[in-house]
Every structure is written in structure tokens, then in C-alpha cells.
């Protein structure tokens, strides 16, 4: 972690009544800059915020929006909870995986896409749901998914 990022994290801690509240924004910032969160980054955040390393590590490993592994520029998360499954998320997952030629934990050869299955995206009334980076999508179909993937590949997507 460079000095510029350290200074940004320090500034971030002053925006909250408790330094601990800045853990998630700090982790998200690091991931956005480098594509993932590594152990050294988590240790540095703990030092900066004077927190136990376990607190930072647990936050980084709990939230599906954060990744401890390298991910594609566009990380697709497909909800796999019971409601989304009943509404077709398994078929959607299979389609995306086949279309991109990757499965859980893999990245397309061009580095654009990675995919993971997550427990819940909070859209039980509007499933199946998926998320790409921080953008959330509901009532997903194969056609909608293909449109999004094609748009990203053509460079027409705003993510």
C-alpha cells in the first residue's frame, strides 16, 4: 500500500464517529484500486485504525462485494438463495458460466469477467438477481444477461 492510499484511509477515518466504521470503505477503496484485497493491505488498515487484525480480516472475508482473490474487471455475482433458485438463478448461472467459458474463481482470458455464486443479494421479490461490481440487477433473464455482457465487451457499458 502506497503513502497516498494510507493518507486517504486516514482521512476516511475522520469522517466517522468511530474509526472502525471506515473499515469497509477502506477495503472497498483498496479493491477498486488493485482488483483485490491482500493480507498486507488488511494488516496495514488494522495498524492505521488501531484495530485487531481479526476485525479487518473478518470484514474482508464476510462481504461478497469484497474479494481476497483476483477478479475480473467486471465481477458477476449470481444470487443462489432458495427464492432466486426457484426463479431460475441456477439456469442463469449455467448460461453465464458457459457463455464466458469460466466457473467459480476463474477469470476470462481477456481479464474482463469473473463469476461467483453468492448467498443473497436482497432481491427475493425480484429474482433471479445478479450484481456486476456494485451494480444490482433484478428479474434477470438470459436475454438481459447477454445484452449486458455484449455491451461490456463492446465498451458500451458505463460500469
C-alpha atoms as a PDB file:
ATOM      1  CA  UNK A   1       0.000   0.000   0.000  1.00  0.00           C
ATOM      2  CA  UNK A   2       1.497   3.322  -1.016  1.00  0.00           C
ATOM      3  CA  UNK A   3       1.583   6.513   1.060  1.00  0.00           C
ATOM      4  CA  UNK A   4      -1.199   8.124  -0.976  1.00  0.00           C
ATOM      5  CA  UNK A   5      -3.608   5.306  -0.101  1.00  0.00           C
ATOM      6  CA  UNK A   6      -2.551   5.411   3.567  1.00  0.00           C
ATOM      7  CA  UNK A   7      -3.320   9.136   3.684  1.00  0.00           C
ATOM      8  CA  UNK A   8      -6.710   8.552   2.069  1.00  0.00           C
ATOM      9  CA  UNK A   9      -7.536   5.888   4.663  1.00  0.00           C
ATOM     10  CA  UNK A  10      -6.505   8.218   7.488  1.00  0.00           C
ATOM     11  CA  UNK A  11      -8.748  10.945   6.041  1.00  0.00           C
ATOM     12  CA  UNK A  12     -11.530   8.400   5.767  1.00  0.00           C
ATOM     13  CA  UNK A  13     -11.322   7.549   9.472  1.00  0.00           C
ATOM     14  CA  UNK A  14     -12.003  11.200  10.354  1.00  0.00           C
ATOM     15  CA  UNK A  15     -15.352  11.085   8.533  1.00  0.00           C
ATOM     16  CA  UNK A  16     -16.840   8.634  11.044  1.00  0.00           C
ATOM     17  CA  UNK A  17     -17.509   8.881  14.775  1.00  0.00           C
ATOM     18  CA  UNK A  18     -15.616   5.585  15.245  1.00  0.00           C
ATOM     19  CA  UNK A  19     -12.564   4.642  13.187  1.00  0.00           C
ATOM     20  CA  UNK A  20     -13.901   1.107  12.860  1.00  0.00           C
ATOM     21  CA  UNK A  21     -16.718   2.409  10.680  1.00  0.00           C
ATOM     22  CA  UNK A  22     -14.156   3.208   7.984  1.00  0.00           C
ATOM     23  CA  UNK A  23     -13.043  -0.426   7.564  1.00  0.00           C
ATOM     24  CA  UNK A  24     -15.477  -1.286   4.770  1.00  0.00           C
ATOM     25  CA  UNK A  25     -14.939   1.907   2.768  1.00  0.00           C
ATOM     26  CA  UNK A  26     -11.169   1.445   3.111  1.00  0.00           C
ATOM     27  CA  UNK A  27     -11.346  -2.166   1.924  1.00  0.00           C
ATOM     28  CA  UNK A  28     -13.603  -1.176  -0.991  1.00  0.00           C
ATOM     29  CA  UNK A  29     -11.175   1.584  -1.997  1.00  0.00           C
ATOM     30  CA  UNK A  30      -8.232  -0.824  -1.988  1.00  0.00           C
ATOM     31  CA  UNK A  31     -10.151  -3.366  -4.035  1.00  0.00           C
ATOM     32  CA  UNK A  32     -11.175  -0.748  -6.566  1.00  0.00           C
ATOM     33  CA  UNK A  33      -7.536   0.329  -6.982  1.00  0.00           C
ATOM     34  CA  UNK A  34      -5.926  -3.111  -7.188  1.00  0.00           C
ATOM     35  CA  UNK A  35      -8.716  -5.560  -8.037  1.00  0.00           C
ATOM     36  CA  UNK A  36      -8.491  -7.471  -4.771  1.00  0.00           C
ATOM     37  CA  UNK A  37      -7.546  -7.194  -1.119  1.00  0.00           C
ATOM     38  CA  UNK A  38      -4.340  -8.827   0.052  1.00  0.00           C
ATOM     39  CA  UNK A  39      -3.235  -9.713   3.555  1.00  0.00           C
ATOM     40  CA  UNK A  40      -0.677  -6.883   3.742  1.00  0.00           C
ATOM     41  CA  UNK A  41      -3.425  -4.337   2.968  1.00  0.00           C
ATOM     42  CA  UNK A  42      -5.649  -5.697   5.737  1.00  0.00           C
ATOM     43  CA  UNK A  43      -2.759  -5.610   8.209  1.00  0.00           C
ATOM     44  CA  UNK A  44      -1.990  -2.006   7.247  1.00  0.00           C
ATOM     45  CA  UNK A  45      -5.632  -0.955   7.690  1.00  0.00           C
ATOM     46  CA  UNK A  46      -5.606  -2.556  11.150  1.00  0.00           C
ATOM     47  CA  UNK A  47      -2.437  -0.614  12.036  1.00  0.00           C
ATOM     48  CA  UNK A  48      -3.793   2.683  10.718  1.00  0.00           C
ATOM     49  CA  UNK A  49      -7.096   2.295  12.569  1.00  0.00           C
ATOM     50  CA  UNK A  50      -5.538   0.718  15.655  1.00  0.00           C
ATOM     51  CA  UNK A  51      -7.830  -2.295  15.392  1.00  0.00           C
ATOM     52  CA  UNK A  52      -7.230  -6.004  15.852  1.00  0.00           C
ATOM     53  CA  UNK A  53      -6.262  -7.572  12.527  1.00  0.00           C
ATOM     54  CA  UNK A  54      -9.036 -10.137  13.013  1.00  0.00           C
ATOM     55  CA  UNK A  55     -11.652  -7.383  12.827  1.00  0.00           C
ATOM     56  CA  UNK A  56     -10.407  -6.213   9.408  1.00  0.00           C
ATOM     57  CA  UNK A  57      -9.893  -9.777   8.131  1.00  0.00           C
ATOM     58  CA  UNK A  58     -13.416 -10.799   9.193  1.00  0.00           C
ATOM     59  CA  UNK A  59     -14.966  -7.828   7.382  1.00  0.00           C
ATOM     60  CA  UNK A  60     -12.954  -8.535   4.225  1.00  0.00           C
ATOM     61  CA  UNK A  61     -13.943 -12.196   4.170  1.00  0.00           C
ATOM     62  CA  UNK A  62     -17.608 -11.729   5.137  1.00  0.00           C
ATOM     63  CA  UNK A  63     -18.914  -9.372   2.464  1.00  0.00           C
ATOM     64  CA  UNK A  64     -19.443 -10.796  -1.030  1.00  0.00           C
ATOM     65  CA  UNK A  65     -18.683  -7.403  -2.586  1.00  0.00           C
ATOM     66  CA  UNK A  66     -15.072  -7.736  -1.420  1.00  0.00           C
ATOM     67  CA  UNK A  67     -12.616 -10.221  -2.857  1.00  0.00           C
ATOM     68  CA  UNK A  68      -9.467 -11.715  -1.435  1.00  0.00           C
ATOM     69  CA  UNK A  69      -8.697 -13.285  -4.801  1.00  0.00           C
ATOM     70  CA  UNK A  70      -8.017 -11.671  -8.137  1.00  0.00           C
ATOM     71  CA  UNK A  71     -11.245 -10.989 -10.018  1.00  0.00           C
ATOM     72  CA  UNK A  72     -12.095  -9.733 -13.477  1.00  0.00           C
ATOM     73  CA  UNK A  73     -12.679  -6.078 -14.253  1.00  0.00           C
ATOM     74  CA  UNK A  74     -16.393  -6.949 -14.224  1.00  0.00           C
ATOM     75  CA  UNK A  75     -17.191  -9.365 -11.416  1.00  0.00           C
ATOM     76  CA  UNK A  76     -20.566 -11.042 -11.872  1.00  0.00           C
ATOM     77  CA  UNK A  77     -22.277 -12.347  -8.744  1.00  0.00           C
ATOM     78  CA  UNK A  78     -25.357 -14.537  -9.127  1.00  0.00           C
ATOM     79  CA  UNK A  79     -27.683 -14.989  -6.152  1.00  0.00           C
ATOM     80  CA  UNK A  80     -28.160 -18.640  -5.230  1.00  0.00           C
ATOM     81  CA  UNK A  81     -30.590 -18.420  -2.316  1.00  0.00           C
ATOM     82  CA  UNK A  82     -33.717 -20.563  -2.372  1.00  0.00           C
ATOM     83  CA  UNK A  83     -36.004 -17.881  -3.813  1.00  0.00           C
ATOM     84  CA  UNK A  84     -33.670 -16.948  -6.672  1.00  0.00           C
ATOM     85  CA  UNK A  85     -33.016 -20.643  -7.300  1.00  0.00           C
ATOM     86  CA  UNK A  86     -36.747 -21.294  -7.646  1.00  0.00           C
ATOM     87  CA  UNK A  87     -36.924 -18.355 -10.068  1.00  0.00           C
ATOM     88  CA  UNK A  88     -34.134 -19.647 -12.307  1.00  0.00           C
ATOM     89  CA  UNK A  89     -30.789 -18.471 -10.950  1.00  0.00           C
ATOM     90  CA  UNK A  90     -29.211 -21.905 -11.450  1.00  0.00           C
ATOM     91  CA  UNK A  91     -30.029 -21.805 -15.172  1.00  0.00           C
ATOM     92  CA  UNK A  92     -28.776 -18.223 -15.315  1.00  0.00           C
ATOM     93  CA  UNK A  93     -25.522 -19.253 -13.603  1.00  0.00           C
ATOM     94  CA  UNK A  94     -25.060 -22.165 -16.031  1.00  0.00           C
ATOM     95  CA  UNK A  95     -25.672 -19.873 -19.000  1.00  0.00           C
ATOM     96  CA  UNK A  96     -23.204 -17.202 -17.840  1.00  0.00           C
ATOM     97  CA  UNK A  97     -20.583 -19.806 -16.977  1.00  0.00           C
ATOM     98  CA  UNK A  98     -20.929 -21.490 -20.373  1.00  0.00           C
ATOM     99  CA  UNK A  99     -21.087 -18.215 -22.269  1.00  0.00           C
ATOM    100  CA  UNK A 100     -17.920 -16.867 -20.657  1.00  0.00           C
ATOM    101  CA  UNK A 101     -16.141 -20.236 -20.518  1.00  0.00           C
ATOM    102  CA  UNK A 102     -15.353 -19.865 -16.814  1.00  0.00           C
ATOM    103  CA  UNK A 103     -16.673 -21.060 -13.497  1.00  0.00           C
ATOM    104  CA  UNK A 104     -16.360 -20.021  -9.845  1.00  0.00           C
ATOM    105  CA  UNK A 105     -13.000 -18.429  -9.098  1.00  0.00           C
ATOM    106  CA  UNK A 106     -11.880 -18.173 -12.721  1.00  0.00           C
ATOM    107  CA  UNK A 107     -11.286 -15.143 -14.939  1.00  0.00           C
ATOM    108  CA  UNK A 108     -11.816 -14.871 -18.679  1.00  0.00           C
ATOM    109  CA  UNK A 109      -8.628 -14.828 -20.748  1.00  0.00           C
ATOM    110  CA  UNK A 110      -9.106 -11.133 -21.531  1.00  0.00           C
ATOM    111  CA  UNK A 111      -9.385 -10.321 -17.799  1.00  0.00           C
ATOM    112  CA  UNK A 112     -12.805  -8.750 -18.266  1.00  0.00           C
ATOM    113  CA  UNK A 113     -15.041 -11.169 -16.365  1.00  0.00           C
ATOM    114  CA  UNK A 114     -15.113 -13.336 -13.282  1.00  0.00           C
ATOM    115  CA  UNK A 115     -18.129 -15.006 -11.738  1.00  0.00           C
ATOM    116  CA  UNK A 116     -19.197 -16.143  -8.298  1.00  0.00           C
ATOM    117  CA  UNK A 117     -22.267 -17.533  -6.664  1.00  0.00           C
ATOM    118  CA  UNK A 118     -23.427 -15.610  -3.581  1.00  0.00           C
ATOM    119  CA  UNK A 119     -25.958 -16.457  -0.914  1.00  0.00           C
ATOM    120  CA  UNK A 120     -28.196 -13.411  -1.101  1.00  0.00           C
ATOM    121  CA  UNK A 121     -28.398 -10.124  -2.970  1.00  0.00           C
ATOM    122  CA  UNK A 122     -31.511  -8.947  -1.129  1.00  0.00           C
ATOM    123  CA  UNK A 123     -33.967  -9.167  -4.022  1.00  0.00           C
ATOM    124  CA  UNK A 124     -36.200 -12.045  -3.028  1.00  0.00           C
ATOM    125  CA  UNK A 125     -39.250 -10.400  -4.593  1.00  0.00           C
ATOM    126  CA  UNK A 126     -37.461  -9.687  -7.863  1.00  0.00           C
ATOM    127  CA  UNK A 127     -35.285 -12.707  -8.595  1.00  0.00           C
ATOM    128  CA  UNK A 128     -33.289 -14.021 -10.074  1.00  0.00           C
ATOM    129  CA  UNK A 129     -30.821 -11.328  -9.110  1.00  0.00           C
ATOM    130  CA  UNK A 130     -27.243 -10.661 -10.076  1.00  0.00           C
ATOM    131  CA  UNK A 131     -24.708  -7.958  -9.430  1.00  0.00           C
ATOM    132  CA  UNK A 132     -21.830  -6.736 -11.566  1.00  0.00           C
ATOM    133  CA  UNK A 133     -19.294  -4.895  -9.450  1.00  0.00           C
ATOM    134  CA  UNK A 134     -21.574  -2.594  -7.457  1.00  0.00           C
ATOM    135  CA  UNK A 135     -24.486  -2.504  -9.931  1.00  0.00           C
ATOM    136  CA  UNK A 136     -27.507  -4.589  -8.998  1.00  0.00           C
ATOM    137  CA  UNK A 137     -29.886  -6.298 -11.457  1.00  0.00           C
ATOM    138  CA  UNK A 138     -33.230  -7.979 -10.813  1.00  0.00           C
ATOM    139  CA  UNK A 139     -35.696 -10.136 -12.760  1.00  0.00           C
ATOM    140  CA  UNK A 140     -32.781 -11.390 -14.813  1.00  0.00           C
ATOM    141  CA  UNK A 141     -33.219 -13.442 -17.946  1.00  0.00           C
ATOM    142  CA  UNK A 142     -30.696 -14.993 -20.303  1.00  0.00           C
ATOM    143  CA  UNK A 143     -31.519 -12.278 -22.841  1.00  0.00           C
ATOM    144  CA  UNK A 144     -30.951  -9.415 -20.369  1.00  0.00           C
ATOM    145  CA  UNK A 145     -27.711 -11.002 -19.209  1.00  0.00           C
ATOM    146  CA  UNK A 146     -26.456 -11.480 -22.761  1.00  0.00           C
ATOM    147  CA  UNK A 147     -27.287  -7.855 -23.556  1.00  0.00           C
ATOM    148  CA  UNK A 148     -25.220  -6.659 -20.586  1.00  0.00           C
ATOM    149  CA  UNK A 149     -22.266  -8.937 -21.367  1.00  0.00           C
ATOM    150  CA  UNK A 150     -22.320  -7.935 -25.048  1.00  0.00           C
ATOM    151  CA  UNK A 151     -22.496  -4.243 -24.124  1.00  0.00           C
ATOM    152  CA  UNK A 152     -19.497  -4.586 -21.820  1.00  0.00           C
ATOM    153  CA  UNK A 153     -17.499  -6.396 -24.485  1.00  0.00           C
ATOM    154  CA  UNK A 154     -18.281  -3.619 -26.995  1.00  0.00           C
ATOM    155  CA  UNK A 155     -17.195  -0.992 -24.477  1.00  0.00           C
ATOM    156  CA  UNK A 156     -20.691   0.492 -24.338  1.00  0.00           C
ATOM    157  CA  UNK A 157     -21.362  -0.220 -20.689  1.00  0.00           C
ATOM    158  CA  UNK A 158     -20.959   2.522 -18.106  1.00  0.00           C
ATOM    159  CA  UNK A 159     -19.515   0.405 -15.266  1.00  0.00           C
END
